[in-house]
Amino acid sequence: MKTREISRSEWPEFFDSFNRQHEGWLVTLEVLGSQIGAQLEGRELAFEGIVAEWDEKKGDAIAIMIGAEPDDHITHSISRPIKVSLEQTDEGADVALAIESADGVMALIRFRSAVLPEMVDGLAASGR
């Protein structure tokens, strides 16, 4: 396993590419922090996307959206994000994406299966 930190200047392009590659994949979203412990936000829900929001007045944020159906849709926002890192297998398949905030809270998106996107291209979207 290897972990790669994504530089802040790359976030918009990285999230756009990540969204296209993983839309519809099953993920589990956890939120971890010293004040809140480990909180499960959603388990094995369809990945819908990640959006970086830049706002000088309100502060920067990253929104994670999972769950394709209205009754299981979750949007989780990370205020003041400072670090984004991607864990991959040695073959380059994505395992998990971590987003850390300035206050020490981390959102962790774990994929149900670590598979190279080209191995499932088109399957996730057709399975809806």
N, C-alpha and C. Protein backbone atom coordinates (compact mmCIF):
# COMPACT_ATOMS: atom_id res chain seq x y z
N MET A 1 0.85 -1.19 0.00
CA MET A 1 0.00 0.00 0.00
C MET A 1 0.89 1.24 0.00
N LYS A 2 0.38 2.25 -0.66
CA LYS A 2 1.08 3.53 -0.68
C LYS A 2 0.06 4.65 -0.52
N THR A 3 0.50 5.75 0.08
CA THR A 3 -0.36 6.90 0.28
C THR A 3 0.27 8.09 -0.42
N ARG A 4 -0.57 8.80 -1.17
CA ARG A 4 -0.11 9.96 -1.92
C ARG A 4 -0.90 11.18 -1.47
N GLU A 5 -0.18 12.22 -1.05
CA GLU A 5 -0.85 13.47 -0.69
C GLU A 5 -1.10 14.29 -1.95
N ILE A 6 -2.31 14.83 -2.05
CA ILE A 6 -2.70 15.64 -3.20
C ILE A 6 -2.50 17.10 -2.81
N SER A 7 -1.68 17.82 -3.56
CA SER A 7 -1.44 19.23 -3.21
C SER A 7 -2.71 20.05 -3.42
N ARG A 8 -2.86 21.07 -2.62
CA ARG A 8 -4.07 21.92 -2.64
C ARG A 8 -4.35 22.47 -4.03
N SER A 9 -3.32 22.84 -4.76
CA SER A 9 -3.52 23.40 -6.11
C SER A 9 -4.11 22.36 -7.07
N GLU A 10 -3.95 21.08 -6.77
CA GLU A 10 -4.47 20.01 -7.62
C GLU A 10 -5.90 19.57 -7.25
N TRP A 11 -6.43 20.02 -6.12
CA TRP A 11 -7.71 19.51 -5.64
C TRP A 11 -8.84 19.58 -6.67
N PRO A 12 -9.10 20.74 -7.30
CA PRO A 12 -10.24 20.78 -8.25
C PRO A 12 -10.10 19.76 -9.38
N GLU A 13 -8.95 19.69 -10.00
CA GLU A 13 -8.73 18.75 -11.10
C GLU A 13 -8.76 17.30 -10.59
N PHE A 14 -8.16 17.06 -9.43
CA PHE A 14 -8.14 15.72 -8.85
C PHE A 14 -9.57 15.24 -8.55
N PHE A 15 -10.38 16.09 -7.89
CA PHE A 15 -11.75 15.69 -7.56
C PHE A 15 -12.58 15.44 -8.82
N ASP A 16 -12.39 16.26 -9.84
CA ASP A 16 -13.12 16.06 -11.09
C ASP A 16 -12.80 14.69 -11.69
N SER A 17 -11.53 14.35 -11.76
CA SER A 17 -11.10 13.06 -12.29
C SER A 17 -11.57 11.91 -11.39
N PHE A 18 -11.42 12.08 -10.09
CA PHE A 18 -11.82 11.07 -9.11
C PHE A 18 -13.32 10.79 -9.23
N ASN A 19 -14.12 11.84 -9.38
CA ASN A 19 -15.57 11.69 -9.53
C ASN A 19 -15.92 10.88 -10.77
N ARG A 20 -15.29 11.21 -11.89
CA ARG A 20 -15.57 10.49 -13.14
C ARG A 20 -15.19 9.01 -13.02
N GLN A 21 -14.07 8.73 -12.39
CA GLN A 21 -13.58 7.35 -12.27
C GLN A 21 -14.43 6.50 -11.33
N HIS A 22 -14.98 7.11 -10.28
CA HIS A 22 -15.59 6.32 -9.21
C HIS A 22 -17.09 6.53 -9.01
N GLU A 23 -17.74 7.29 -9.88
CA GLU A 23 -19.18 7.52 -9.71
C GLU A 23 -19.92 6.18 -9.69
N GLY A 24 -20.75 6.01 -8.66
CA GLY A 24 -21.55 4.80 -8.51
C GLY A 24 -20.87 3.68 -7.74
N TRP A 25 -19.58 3.80 -7.46
CA TRP A 25 -18.87 2.75 -6.71
C TRP A 25 -19.39 2.75 -5.27
N LEU A 26 -19.41 1.59 -4.65
CA LEU A 26 -19.87 1.49 -3.26
C LEU A 26 -18.77 1.92 -2.31
N VAL A 27 -19.13 2.82 -1.39
CA VAL A 27 -18.17 3.36 -0.43
C VAL A 27 -18.77 3.37 0.97
N THR A 28 -17.89 3.44 1.94
CA THR A 28 -18.25 3.66 3.33
C THR A 28 -17.61 4.98 3.73
N LEU A 29 -18.38 5.85 4.38
CA LEU A 29 -17.88 7.15 4.81
C LEU A 29 -17.82 7.18 6.33
N GLU A 30 -16.62 7.43 6.86
CA GLU A 30 -16.40 7.55 8.30
C GLU A 30 -15.86 8.94 8.60
N VAL A 31 -16.21 9.46 9.77
CA VAL A 31 -15.66 10.73 10.24
C VAL A 31 -14.96 10.44 11.56
N LEU A 32 -13.69 10.85 11.65
CA LEU A 32 -12.86 10.55 12.81
C LEU A 32 -12.33 11.84 13.42
N GLY A 33 -12.35 11.93 14.74
CA GLY A 33 -11.81 13.10 15.41
C GLY A 33 -11.66 12.84 16.90
N SER A 34 -10.75 13.56 17.54
CA SER A 34 -10.50 13.34 18.97
C SER A 34 -11.72 13.71 19.82
N GLN A 35 -12.50 14.69 19.39
CA GLN A 35 -13.68 15.11 20.14
C GLN A 35 -14.89 14.21 19.91
N ILE A 36 -14.96 13.61 18.71
CA ILE A 36 -16.16 12.83 18.34
C ILE A 36 -15.90 11.33 18.21
N GLY A 37 -14.64 10.92 18.23
CA GLY A 37 -14.32 9.51 18.03
C GLY A 37 -14.53 9.13 16.58
N ALA A 38 -14.90 7.88 16.34
CA ALA A 38 -15.17 7.39 14.99
C ALA A 38 -16.67 7.32 14.77
N GLN A 39 -17.15 8.02 13.76
CA GLN A 39 -18.58 8.05 13.45
C GLN A 39 -18.80 7.50 12.04
N LEU A 40 -19.69 6.53 11.91
CA LEU A 40 -20.03 5.99 10.61
C LEU A 40 -21.15 6.84 10.01
N GLU A 41 -20.88 7.47 8.87
CA GLU A 41 -21.88 8.32 8.21
C GLU A 41 -22.73 7.51 7.25
N GLY A 42 -22.12 6.56 6.55
CA GLY A 42 -22.85 5.74 5.60
C GLY A 42 -22.03 4.53 5.20
N ARG A 43 -22.70 3.40 5.03
CA ARG A 43 -22.00 2.16 4.70
C ARG A 43 -22.48 1.62 3.35
N GLU A 44 -21.51 1.35 2.48
CA GLU A 44 -21.75 0.75 1.18
C GLU A 44 -22.86 1.44 0.39
N LEU A 45 -22.70 2.76 0.27
CA LEU A 45 -23.60 3.58 -0.54
C LEU A 45 -22.88 4.01 -1.81
N ALA A 46 -23.63 4.31 -2.84
CA ALA A 46 -23.04 4.72 -4.12
C ALA A 46 -22.33 6.07 -3.97
N PHE A 47 -21.11 6.13 -4.46
CA PHE A 47 -20.35 7.38 -4.46
C PHE A 47 -20.93 8.30 -5.53
N GLU A 48 -21.28 9.52 -5.13
CA GLU A 48 -21.87 10.49 -6.05
C GLU A 48 -20.88 11.58 -6.45
N GLY A 49 -19.99 11.98 -5.55
CA GLY A 49 -19.00 12.98 -5.93
C GLY A 49 -18.43 13.77 -4.76
N ILE A 50 -17.39 14.53 -5.09
CA ILE A 50 -16.72 15.41 -4.14
C ILE A 50 -16.56 16.76 -4.82
N VAL A 51 -16.85 17.83 -4.08
CA VAL A 51 -16.74 19.18 -4.63
C VAL A 51 -15.97 20.05 -3.64
N ALA A 52 -14.98 20.78 -4.16
CA ALA A 52 -14.26 21.76 -3.34
C ALA A 52 -14.94 23.10 -3.53
N GLU A 53 -15.23 23.77 -2.42
CA GLU A 53 -15.90 25.07 -2.45
C GLU A 53 -14.97 26.11 -1.84
N TRP A 54 -14.60 27.11 -2.65
CA TRP A 54 -13.68 28.14 -2.18
C TRP A 54 -14.48 29.40 -1.89
N ASP A 55 -14.41 29.87 -0.66
CA ASP A 55 -15.16 31.06 -0.26
C ASP A 55 -14.34 31.81 0.78
N GLU A 56 -13.86 33.01 0.39
CA GLU A 56 -13.01 33.79 1.29
C GLU A 56 -13.75 34.25 2.54
N LYS A 57 -15.06 34.51 2.44
CA LYS A 57 -15.82 35.00 3.58
C LYS A 57 -16.25 33.87 4.52
N LYS A 58 -16.83 32.81 3.95
CA LYS A 58 -17.31 31.69 4.78
C LYS A 58 -16.22 30.68 5.11
N GLY A 59 -15.17 30.67 4.32
CA GLY A 59 -14.10 29.70 4.50
C GLY A 59 -14.24 28.55 3.51
N ASP A 60 -13.15 27.91 3.20
CA ASP A 60 -13.14 26.81 2.25
C ASP A 60 -13.81 25.58 2.84
N ALA A 61 -14.35 24.74 1.96
CA ALA A 61 -15.00 23.51 2.40
C ALA A 61 -14.92 22.48 1.27
N ILE A 62 -15.03 21.24 1.64
CA ILE A 62 -15.13 20.15 0.68
C ILE A 62 -16.39 19.38 1.05
N ALA A 63 -17.24 19.13 0.05
CA ALA A 63 -18.48 18.39 0.25
C ALA A 63 -18.35 17.01 -0.40
N ILE A 64 -18.73 15.98 0.37
CA ILE A 64 -18.73 14.59 -0.12
C ILE A 64 -20.18 14.16 -0.21
N MET A 65 -20.57 13.63 -1.37
CA MET A 65 -21.94 13.17 -1.56
C MET A 65 -21.95 11.68 -1.86
N ILE A 66 -22.74 10.93 -1.08
CA ILE A 66 -22.89 9.50 -1.30
C ILE A 66 -24.38 9.16 -1.21
N GLY A 67 -24.75 8.03 -1.79
CA GLY A 67 -26.13 7.57 -1.75
C GLY A 67 -26.91 8.10 -2.94
N ALA A 68 -27.27 7.21 -3.87
CA ALA A 68 -27.93 7.61 -5.11
C ALA A 68 -29.43 7.85 -4.94
N GLU A 69 -30.02 7.27 -3.92
CA GLU A 69 -31.46 7.39 -3.72
C GLU A 69 -31.76 8.47 -2.68
N PRO A 70 -32.89 9.18 -2.83
CA PRO A 70 -33.22 10.26 -1.89
C PRO A 70 -33.26 9.81 -0.42
N ASP A 71 -33.70 8.58 -0.15
CA ASP A 71 -33.80 8.15 1.24
C ASP A 71 -32.48 7.70 1.85
N ASP A 72 -31.42 7.57 1.03
CA ASP A 72 -30.12 7.20 1.60
C ASP A 72 -29.02 8.19 1.21
N HIS A 73 -29.40 9.36 0.71
CA HIS A 73 -28.41 10.36 0.28
C HIS A 73 -27.80 11.07 1.49
N ILE A 74 -26.48 11.21 1.47
CA ILE A 74 -25.75 11.91 2.53
C ILE A 74 -24.80 12.90 1.88
N THR A 75 -24.81 14.13 2.37
CA THR A 75 -23.80 15.11 2.00
C THR A 75 -23.06 15.49 3.27
N HIS A 76 -21.76 15.28 3.27
CA HIS A 76 -20.95 15.61 4.44
C HIS A 76 -19.97 16.70 4.03
N SER A 77 -19.91 17.79 4.79
CA SER A 77 -19.00 18.90 4.50
C SER A 77 -17.85 18.92 5.48
N ILE A 78 -16.68 19.18 4.94
CA ILE A 78 -15.47 19.33 5.76
C ILE A 78 -15.07 20.80 5.67
N SER A 79 -15.17 21.52 6.77
CA SER A 79 -14.80 22.93 6.81
C SER A 79 -13.30 23.07 6.99
N ARG A 80 -12.74 24.07 6.35
CA ARG A 80 -11.31 24.40 6.45
C ARG A 80 -10.42 23.18 6.18
N PRO A 81 -10.58 22.53 5.02
CA PRO A 81 -9.73 21.37 4.72
C PRO A 81 -8.27 21.78 4.55
N ILE A 82 -7.37 20.94 5.06
CA ILE A 82 -5.94 21.25 4.95
C ILE A 82 -5.15 20.15 4.24
N LYS A 83 -5.72 18.94 4.16
CA LYS A 83 -4.95 17.84 3.59
C LYS A 83 -5.89 16.83 2.93
N VAL A 84 -5.51 16.41 1.73
CA VAL A 84 -6.21 15.34 1.02
C VAL A 84 -5.18 14.30 0.66
N SER A 85 -5.45 13.04 1.00
CA SER A 85 -4.51 11.97 0.66
C SER A 85 -5.27 10.76 0.15
N LEU A 86 -4.63 10.05 -0.77
CA LEU A 86 -5.21 8.90 -1.44
C LEU A 86 -4.37 7.67 -1.14
N GLU A 87 -5.02 6.64 -0.59
CA GLU A 87 -4.34 5.37 -0.33
C GLU A 87 -4.63 4.44 -1.50
N GLN A 88 -3.56 3.83 -2.04
CA GLN A 88 -3.68 2.94 -3.19
C GLN A 88 -2.94 1.64 -2.95
N THR A 89 -3.39 0.60 -3.66
CA THR A 89 -2.66 -0.67 -3.63
C THR A 89 -1.35 -0.48 -4.40
N ASP A 90 -0.46 -1.43 -4.32
CA ASP A 90 0.79 -1.36 -5.07
C ASP A 90 0.55 -1.33 -6.58
N GLU A 91 -0.61 -1.85 -7.02
CA GLU A 91 -0.96 -1.86 -8.44
C GLU A 91 -1.58 -0.54 -8.88
N GLY A 92 -1.91 0.36 -7.93
CA GLY A 92 -2.47 1.65 -8.26
C GLY A 92 -3.97 1.77 -8.11
N ALA A 93 -4.63 0.74 -7.57
CA ALA A 93 -6.08 0.80 -7.34
C ALA A 93 -6.35 1.61 -6.08
N ASP A 94 -7.36 2.48 -6.13
CA ASP A 94 -7.71 3.32 -4.99
C ASP A 94 -8.39 2.50 -3.90
N VAL A 95 -7.92 2.67 -2.67
CA VAL A 95 -8.46 1.97 -1.50
C VAL A 95 -9.29 2.93 -0.66
N ALA A 96 -8.75 4.14 -0.41
CA ALA A 96 -9.42 5.10 0.46
C ALA A 96 -8.93 6.51 0.16
N LEU A 97 -9.81 7.47 0.43
CA LEU A 97 -9.48 8.88 0.30
C LEU A 97 -9.73 9.53 1.65
N ALA A 98 -8.72 10.25 2.16
CA ALA A 98 -8.84 10.92 3.45
C ALA A 98 -8.78 12.42 3.24
N ILE A 99 -9.69 13.14 3.92
CA ILE A 99 -9.70 14.60 3.87
C ILE A 99 -9.66 15.09 5.31
N GLU A 100 -8.64 15.87 5.62
CA GLU A 100 -8.43 16.33 6.99
C GLU A 100 -8.70 17.83 7.10
N SER A 101 -9.36 18.21 8.19
CA SER A 101 -9.67 19.63 8.41
C SER A 101 -8.67 20.25 9.38
N ALA A 102 -8.68 21.58 9.44
CA ALA A 102 -7.78 22.31 10.33
C ALA A 102 -8.02 21.99 11.80
N ASP A 103 -9.25 21.57 12.15
CA ASP A 103 -9.54 21.25 13.54
C ASP A 103 -9.30 19.77 13.88
N GLY A 104 -8.63 19.04 12.98
CA GLY A 104 -8.22 17.67 13.28
C GLY A 104 -9.25 16.60 12.97
N VAL A 105 -10.37 16.97 12.36
CA VAL A 105 -11.38 15.98 11.99
C VAL A 105 -11.03 15.44 10.60
N MET A 106 -11.16 14.13 10.44
CA MET A 106 -10.86 13.51 9.17
C MET A 106 -12.08 12.77 8.64
N ALA A 107 -12.38 13.00 7.36
CA ALA A 107 -13.41 12.22 6.66
C ALA A 107 -12.67 11.18 5.84
N LEU A 108 -13.12 9.94 5.94
CA LEU A 108 -12.46 8.83 5.26
C LEU A 108 -13.46 8.09 4.39
N ILE A 109 -13.18 8.07 3.10
CA ILE A 109 -14.01 7.35 2.14
C ILE A 109 -13.28 6.07 1.80
N ARG A 110 -13.88 4.94 2.12
CA ARG A 110 -13.27 3.63 1.82
C ARG A 110 -14.10 2.94 0.74
N PHE A 111 -13.40 2.43 -0.26
CA PHE A 111 -14.09 1.69 -1.32
C PHE A 111 -14.36 0.27 -0.86
N ARG A 112 -15.50 -0.26 -1.28
CA ARG A 112 -15.86 -1.64 -0.94
C ARG A 112 -14.82 -2.59 -1.51
N SER A 113 -14.38 -2.32 -2.74
CA SER A 113 -13.36 -3.15 -3.40
C SER A 113 -12.31 -2.23 -4.01
N ALA A 114 -11.06 -2.59 -3.83
CA ALA A 114 -9.96 -1.84 -4.45
C ALA A 114 -9.68 -2.46 -5.81
N VAL A 115 -10.19 -1.80 -6.86
CA VAL A 115 -10.05 -2.29 -8.22
C VAL A 115 -9.64 -1.12 -9.10
N LEU A 116 -8.80 -1.39 -10.10
CA LEU A 116 -8.43 -0.35 -11.04
C LEU A 116 -9.68 0.08 -11.82
N PRO A 117 -9.91 1.38 -12.00
CA PRO A 117 -11.12 1.86 -12.68
C PRO A 117 -11.35 1.22 -14.05
N GLU A 118 -10.29 0.99 -14.80
CA GLU A 118 -10.48 0.42 -16.14
C GLU A 118 -11.00 -1.02 -16.09
N MET A 119 -10.89 -1.68 -14.94
CA MET A 119 -11.39 -3.04 -14.80
C MET A 119 -12.91 -3.08 -14.62
N VAL A 120 -13.52 -1.96 -14.20
CA VAL A 120 -14.96 -1.92 -13.98
C VAL A 120 -15.61 -0.79 -14.78
N ASP A 121 -14.90 -0.23 -15.72
CA ASP A 121 -15.42 0.89 -16.50
C ASP A 121 -16.79 0.57 -17.06
N GLY A 122 -17.79 1.38 -16.70
CA GLY A 122 -19.14 1.22 -17.18
C GLY A 122 -20.00 0.30 -16.34
N LEU A 123 -19.43 -0.55 -15.51
CA LEU A 123 -20.21 -1.50 -14.71
C LEU A 123 -20.93 -0.82 -13.56
N ALA A 124 -20.27 0.11 -12.87
CA ALA A 124 -20.89 0.75 -11.70
C ALA A 124 -22.13 1.53 -12.11
N ALA A 125 -22.04 2.29 -13.18
CA ALA A 125 -23.19 3.10 -13.61
C ALA A 125 -24.33 2.23 -14.11
N SER A 126 -24.02 1.11 -14.76
CA SER A 126 -25.08 0.26 -15.29
C SER A 126 -25.77 -0.55 -14.20
N GLY A 127 -25.15 -0.68 -13.03
CA GLY A 127 -25.71 -1.45 -11.94
C GLY A 127 -26.72 -0.69 -11.12
N ARG A 128 -27.00 0.55 -11.45
CA ARG A 128 -27.95 1.37 -10.68
C ARG A 128 -29.35 0.96 -10.92
